[in-house]
Structures are given as structure tokens and as C-alpha cells.
Amino acid sequence: MGELMQLPCSIPEKFSSSGGGGNMEARVAKLESDVEHIKTDASDIKTDIRDLAKELRSDIRDMRKDHRSDFRILIGFHITTLVCLIGLLVKIFGK
């Protein structure tokens, strides 16, 4: 129970830690550049989303104003129609 058995292990060449070759510095520089571009793109996307959200809020606010005035006109029409019908019924059945 006190003895450990060592298993044979073979790591493929592409996964071995050989230092990454002679162009490791250039690859890291390219990765850093790519990450900077990704950060810039993400920042631009955030700005675009904020602008769209502001536009959407403004459009919704305008639509609500329009709906309020439309609703008031519709209620006025209904009240006028109701008064006319009541007057007609009084004229017909009020004799």
C-alpha cells in the first residue's frame, strides 16, 4: 500500500511546453492587438446600444402623447354620440 506505480505518459508534440517557438513574442503582440480591437468594438457597441435606447424612449414618449390625444378625441366622440342618442330617445318616447 505504500508504493505508487508510475504510469507511462506520452504528450503529443503540439501540446508539449517547448516554449512556443521563436515567434512567441510576435504572436503575443498580435493577440494583444486583437484584444484591443475587441475592446474598442465592444465599447462602440455599448455606445450604439445606449443611443438606441435613448431614441426608443423618446419614440415611446411621443407615441404615448399621441395616444392620449387620440383617446381624448375618441371619448369626446362617444360622449357626443351618447348625448345624441339620449336626446333621440327622449324625443321618441317622451311624448
N, C-alpha and C. Protein backbone atom coordinates (compact mmCIF):
# COMPACT_ATOMS: atom_id res chain seq x y z
N MET A 1 0.81 -1.19 0.00
CA MET A 1 0.00 0.00 0.00
C MET A 1 0.86 1.26 0.00
N GLY A 2 2.06 1.20 0.35
CA GLY A 2 2.91 2.37 0.42
C GLY A 2 3.61 2.70 -0.88
N GLU A 3 3.47 1.89 -1.90
CA GLU A 3 4.22 2.11 -3.14
C GLU A 3 3.29 2.61 -4.25
N LEU A 4 3.72 3.67 -4.96
CA LEU A 4 2.95 4.22 -6.07
C LEU A 4 3.48 3.67 -7.36
N MET A 5 2.59 3.38 -8.25
CA MET A 5 3.00 2.87 -9.54
C MET A 5 3.01 4.01 -10.55
N GLN A 6 4.08 4.13 -11.33
CA GLN A 6 4.18 5.20 -12.31
C GLN A 6 3.65 4.70 -13.65
N LEU A 7 2.69 5.47 -14.20
CA LEU A 7 2.10 5.11 -15.48
C LEU A 7 2.86 5.78 -16.61
N PRO A 8 2.99 5.09 -17.75
CA PRO A 8 3.66 5.73 -18.88
C PRO A 8 2.78 6.87 -19.41
N CYS A 9 3.39 7.98 -19.74
CA CYS A 9 2.66 9.15 -20.21
C CYS A 9 3.36 9.69 -21.45
N SER A 10 2.59 9.86 -22.50
CA SER A 10 3.17 10.45 -23.70
C SER A 10 2.30 11.64 -24.09
N ILE A 11 2.91 12.82 -24.15
CA ILE A 11 2.21 14.04 -24.54
C ILE A 11 2.54 14.31 -26.00
N PRO A 12 1.52 14.52 -26.82
CA PRO A 12 1.80 14.82 -28.21
C PRO A 12 2.68 16.06 -28.33
N GLU A 13 3.43 16.11 -29.39
CA GLU A 13 4.41 17.18 -29.60
C GLU A 13 3.75 18.57 -29.57
N LYS A 14 2.53 18.69 -30.15
CA LYS A 14 1.91 20.00 -30.22
C LYS A 14 1.44 20.52 -28.87
N PHE A 15 1.31 19.63 -27.87
CA PHE A 15 0.89 20.05 -26.54
C PHE A 15 2.05 20.17 -25.56
N SER A 16 3.23 19.85 -25.98
CA SER A 16 4.36 19.92 -25.05
C SER A 16 4.73 21.37 -24.82
N SER A 17 5.34 21.64 -23.70
CA SER A 17 5.70 23.01 -23.35
C SER A 17 7.13 23.29 -23.80
N SER A 18 7.29 23.45 -25.09
CA SER A 18 8.62 23.69 -25.64
C SER A 18 8.95 25.16 -25.73
N GLY A 19 8.10 26.04 -25.21
CA GLY A 19 8.38 27.46 -25.23
C GLY A 19 7.66 28.19 -26.34
N GLY A 20 6.98 27.53 -27.22
CA GLY A 20 6.16 28.17 -28.22
C GLY A 20 6.88 28.58 -29.47
N GLY A 21 8.13 28.25 -29.61
CA GLY A 21 8.83 28.59 -30.83
C GLY A 21 9.46 29.97 -30.77
N GLY A 22 10.11 30.34 -31.84
CA GLY A 22 10.85 31.59 -31.86
C GLY A 22 9.97 32.80 -32.09
N ASN A 23 8.76 32.62 -32.56
CA ASN A 23 7.92 33.77 -32.85
C ASN A 23 6.86 34.01 -31.77
N MET A 24 7.14 33.59 -30.56
CA MET A 24 6.18 33.75 -29.45
C MET A 24 5.90 35.22 -29.18
N GLU A 25 6.91 36.06 -29.24
CA GLU A 25 6.72 37.48 -28.95
C GLU A 25 5.81 38.13 -29.99
N ALA A 26 5.98 37.78 -31.25
CA ALA A 26 5.13 38.33 -32.31
C ALA A 26 3.69 37.86 -32.15
N ARG A 27 3.51 36.60 -31.78
CA ARG A 27 2.15 36.08 -31.59
C ARG A 27 1.46 36.75 -30.42
N VAL A 28 2.20 36.99 -29.34
CA VAL A 28 1.62 37.67 -28.17
C VAL A 28 1.25 39.10 -28.55
N ALA A 29 2.10 39.77 -29.31
CA ALA A 29 1.81 41.14 -29.75
C ALA A 29 0.55 41.17 -30.60
N LYS A 30 0.39 40.18 -31.48
CA LYS A 30 -0.82 40.12 -32.31
C LYS A 30 -2.06 39.87 -31.45
N LEU A 31 -1.94 38.98 -30.47
CA LEU A 31 -3.07 38.74 -29.57
C LEU A 31 -3.44 40.00 -28.80
N GLU A 32 -2.44 40.73 -28.32
CA GLU A 32 -2.72 41.97 -27.60
C GLU A 32 -3.41 42.98 -28.51
N SER A 33 -2.98 43.07 -29.74
CA SER A 33 -3.60 43.97 -30.71
C SER A 33 -5.04 43.57 -30.96
N ASP A 34 -5.26 42.27 -31.14
CA ASP A 34 -6.63 41.78 -31.37
C ASP A 34 -7.53 42.07 -30.18
N VAL A 35 -7.00 41.91 -28.97
CA VAL A 35 -7.80 42.18 -27.77
C VAL A 35 -8.15 43.67 -27.70
N GLU A 36 -7.22 44.53 -28.06
CA GLU A 36 -7.51 45.97 -28.08
C GLU A 36 -8.63 46.29 -29.07
N HIS A 37 -8.59 45.64 -30.24
CA HIS A 37 -9.65 45.85 -31.23
C HIS A 37 -11.00 45.36 -30.69
N ILE A 38 -10.98 44.24 -30.00
CA ILE A 38 -12.21 43.70 -29.41
C ILE A 38 -12.76 44.66 -28.36
N LYS A 39 -11.89 45.22 -27.53
CA LYS A 39 -12.33 46.17 -26.51
C LYS A 39 -12.94 47.41 -27.17
N THR A 40 -12.30 47.90 -28.23
CA THR A 40 -12.82 49.07 -28.94
C THR A 40 -14.18 48.77 -29.54
N ASP A 41 -14.30 47.61 -30.18
CA ASP A 41 -15.58 47.23 -30.79
C ASP A 41 -16.67 47.09 -29.73
N ALA A 42 -16.34 46.50 -28.59
CA ALA A 42 -17.32 46.34 -27.51
C ALA A 42 -17.75 47.71 -26.99
N SER A 43 -16.83 48.62 -26.87
CA SER A 43 -17.16 49.97 -26.41
C SER A 43 -18.07 50.67 -27.42
N ASP A 44 -17.78 50.51 -28.71
CA ASP A 44 -18.63 51.10 -29.74
C ASP A 44 -20.04 50.50 -29.70
N ILE A 45 -20.13 49.21 -29.48
CA ILE A 45 -21.44 48.55 -29.41
C ILE A 45 -22.24 49.08 -28.22
N LYS A 46 -21.56 49.24 -27.07
CA LYS A 46 -22.24 49.78 -25.88
C LYS A 46 -22.78 51.18 -26.16
N THR A 47 -21.97 52.01 -26.82
CA THR A 47 -22.41 53.36 -27.14
C THR A 47 -23.61 53.33 -28.08
N ASP A 48 -23.56 52.48 -29.08
CA ASP A 48 -24.68 52.36 -30.02
C ASP A 48 -25.95 51.92 -29.31
N ILE A 49 -25.83 50.98 -28.40
CA ILE A 49 -27.00 50.48 -27.67
C ILE A 49 -27.58 51.59 -26.80
N ARG A 50 -26.71 52.36 -26.14
CA ARG A 50 -27.21 53.48 -25.32
C ARG A 50 -27.97 54.49 -26.19
N ASP A 51 -27.40 54.81 -27.36
CA ASP A 51 -28.06 55.77 -28.25
C ASP A 51 -29.41 55.24 -28.72
N LEU A 52 -29.46 53.95 -29.06
CA LEU A 52 -30.72 53.35 -29.50
C LEU A 52 -31.76 53.35 -28.37
N ALA A 53 -31.30 53.10 -27.16
CA ALA A 53 -32.22 53.09 -26.02
C ALA A 53 -32.80 54.49 -25.80
N LYS A 54 -31.97 55.53 -25.92
CA LYS A 54 -32.47 56.90 -25.78
C LYS A 54 -33.49 57.22 -26.86
N GLU A 55 -33.18 56.83 -28.09
CA GLU A 55 -34.10 57.05 -29.20
C GLU A 55 -35.43 56.33 -28.98
N LEU A 56 -35.34 55.11 -28.52
CA LEU A 56 -36.54 54.31 -28.28
C LEU A 56 -37.40 54.94 -27.19
N ARG A 57 -36.76 55.41 -26.11
CA ARG A 57 -37.52 56.06 -25.04
C ARG A 57 -38.24 57.31 -25.57
N SER A 58 -37.54 58.07 -26.38
CA SER A 58 -38.13 59.28 -26.95
C SER A 58 -39.32 58.94 -27.86
N ASP A 59 -39.15 57.91 -28.69
CA ASP A 59 -40.24 57.50 -29.58
C ASP A 59 -41.45 57.01 -28.79
N ILE A 60 -41.21 56.25 -27.74
CA ILE A 60 -42.31 55.74 -26.92
C ILE A 60 -43.03 56.90 -26.24
N ARG A 61 -42.26 57.89 -25.74
CA ARG A 61 -42.86 59.06 -25.10
C ARG A 61 -43.76 59.80 -26.10
N ASP A 62 -43.29 59.96 -27.33
CA ASP A 62 -44.10 60.64 -28.35
C ASP A 62 -45.35 59.85 -28.68
N MET A 63 -45.23 58.54 -28.78
CA MET A 63 -46.39 57.70 -29.08
C MET A 63 -47.43 57.80 -27.96
N ARG A 64 -46.98 57.86 -26.72
CA ARG A 64 -47.93 57.97 -25.61
C ARG A 64 -48.68 59.29 -25.67
N LYS A 65 -47.97 60.37 -26.02
CA LYS A 65 -48.65 61.67 -26.16
C LYS A 65 -49.72 61.60 -27.25
N ASP A 66 -49.36 60.99 -28.39
CA ASP A 66 -50.32 60.86 -29.48
C ASP A 66 -51.52 60.02 -29.07
N HIS A 67 -51.27 58.95 -28.34
CA HIS A 67 -52.36 58.06 -27.93
C HIS A 67 -53.28 58.77 -26.94
N ARG A 68 -52.70 59.60 -26.06
CA ARG A 68 -53.54 60.33 -25.12
C ARG A 68 -54.50 61.25 -25.85
N SER A 69 -53.98 61.99 -26.83
CA SER A 69 -54.85 62.91 -27.55
C SER A 69 -55.87 62.14 -28.38
N ASP A 70 -55.46 61.04 -28.99
CA ASP A 70 -56.41 60.21 -29.75
C ASP A 70 -57.50 59.66 -28.84
N PHE A 71 -57.10 59.25 -27.64
CA PHE A 71 -58.06 58.70 -26.69
C PHE A 71 -59.07 59.77 -26.27
N ARG A 72 -58.60 60.98 -26.05
CA ARG A 72 -59.50 62.07 -25.65
C ARG A 72 -60.49 62.38 -26.76
N ILE A 73 -60.02 62.38 -27.99
CA ILE A 73 -60.92 62.63 -29.13
C ILE A 73 -61.96 61.52 -29.22
N LEU A 74 -61.53 60.28 -29.03
CA LEU A 74 -62.45 59.14 -29.11
C LEU A 74 -63.49 59.20 -27.99
N ILE A 75 -63.08 59.55 -26.79
CA ILE A 75 -64.03 59.67 -25.67
C ILE A 75 -65.02 60.79 -25.95
N GLY A 76 -64.52 61.91 -26.49
CA GLY A 76 -65.41 63.02 -26.84
C GLY A 76 -66.45 62.60 -27.87
N PHE A 77 -66.03 61.84 -28.85
CA PHE A 77 -66.95 61.33 -29.88
C PHE A 77 -68.01 60.42 -29.26
N HIS A 78 -67.58 59.55 -28.36
CA HIS A 78 -68.53 58.63 -27.71
C HIS A 78 -69.54 59.40 -26.86
N ILE A 79 -69.08 60.40 -26.13
CA ILE A 79 -69.99 61.18 -25.28
C ILE A 79 -71.00 61.93 -26.15
N THR A 80 -70.52 62.51 -27.26
CA THR A 80 -71.42 63.23 -28.16
C THR A 80 -72.47 62.28 -28.74
N THR A 81 -72.05 61.10 -29.15
CA THR A 81 -72.97 60.11 -29.70
C THR A 81 -73.99 59.69 -28.64
N LEU A 82 -73.55 59.49 -27.42
CA LEU A 82 -74.45 59.09 -26.34
C LEU A 82 -75.48 60.18 -26.05
N VAL A 83 -75.05 61.42 -26.03
CA VAL A 83 -75.98 62.53 -25.78
C VAL A 83 -77.01 62.61 -26.91
N CYS A 84 -76.56 62.45 -28.14
CA CYS A 84 -77.49 62.47 -29.28
C CYS A 84 -78.50 61.34 -29.19
N LEU A 85 -78.03 60.15 -28.84
CA LEU A 85 -78.96 59.01 -28.71
C LEU A 85 -79.96 59.23 -27.59
N ILE A 86 -79.49 59.77 -26.48
CA ILE A 86 -80.41 60.04 -25.37
C ILE A 86 -81.45 61.08 -25.80
N GLY A 87 -81.01 62.12 -26.49
CA GLY A 87 -81.95 63.13 -26.98
C GLY A 87 -82.95 62.54 -27.95
N LEU A 88 -82.50 61.65 -28.83
CA LEU A 88 -83.40 60.99 -29.79
C LEU A 88 -84.41 60.12 -29.06
N LEU A 89 -83.96 59.36 -28.06
CA LEU A 89 -84.87 58.50 -27.29
C LEU A 89 -85.89 59.32 -26.52
N VAL A 90 -85.46 60.45 -25.97
CA VAL A 90 -86.39 61.31 -25.23
C VAL A 90 -87.43 61.88 -26.20
N LYS A 91 -87.01 62.24 -27.38
CA LYS A 91 -87.94 62.80 -28.38
C LYS A 91 -88.97 61.76 -28.81
N ILE A 92 -88.47 60.49 -29.01
CA ILE A 92 -89.38 59.45 -29.47
C ILE A 92 -90.32 59.00 -28.36
N PHE A 93 -89.77 58.69 -27.20
CA PHE A 93 -90.58 58.09 -26.14
C PHE A 93 -91.08 59.11 -25.10
N GLY A 94 -90.69 60.35 -25.22
CA GLY A 94 -91.06 61.34 -24.22
C GLY A 94 -92.39 61.99 -24.46
N LYS A 95 -93.09 61.67 -25.50
CA LYS A 95 -94.39 62.30 -25.81
C LYS A 95 -95.45 61.91 -24.86
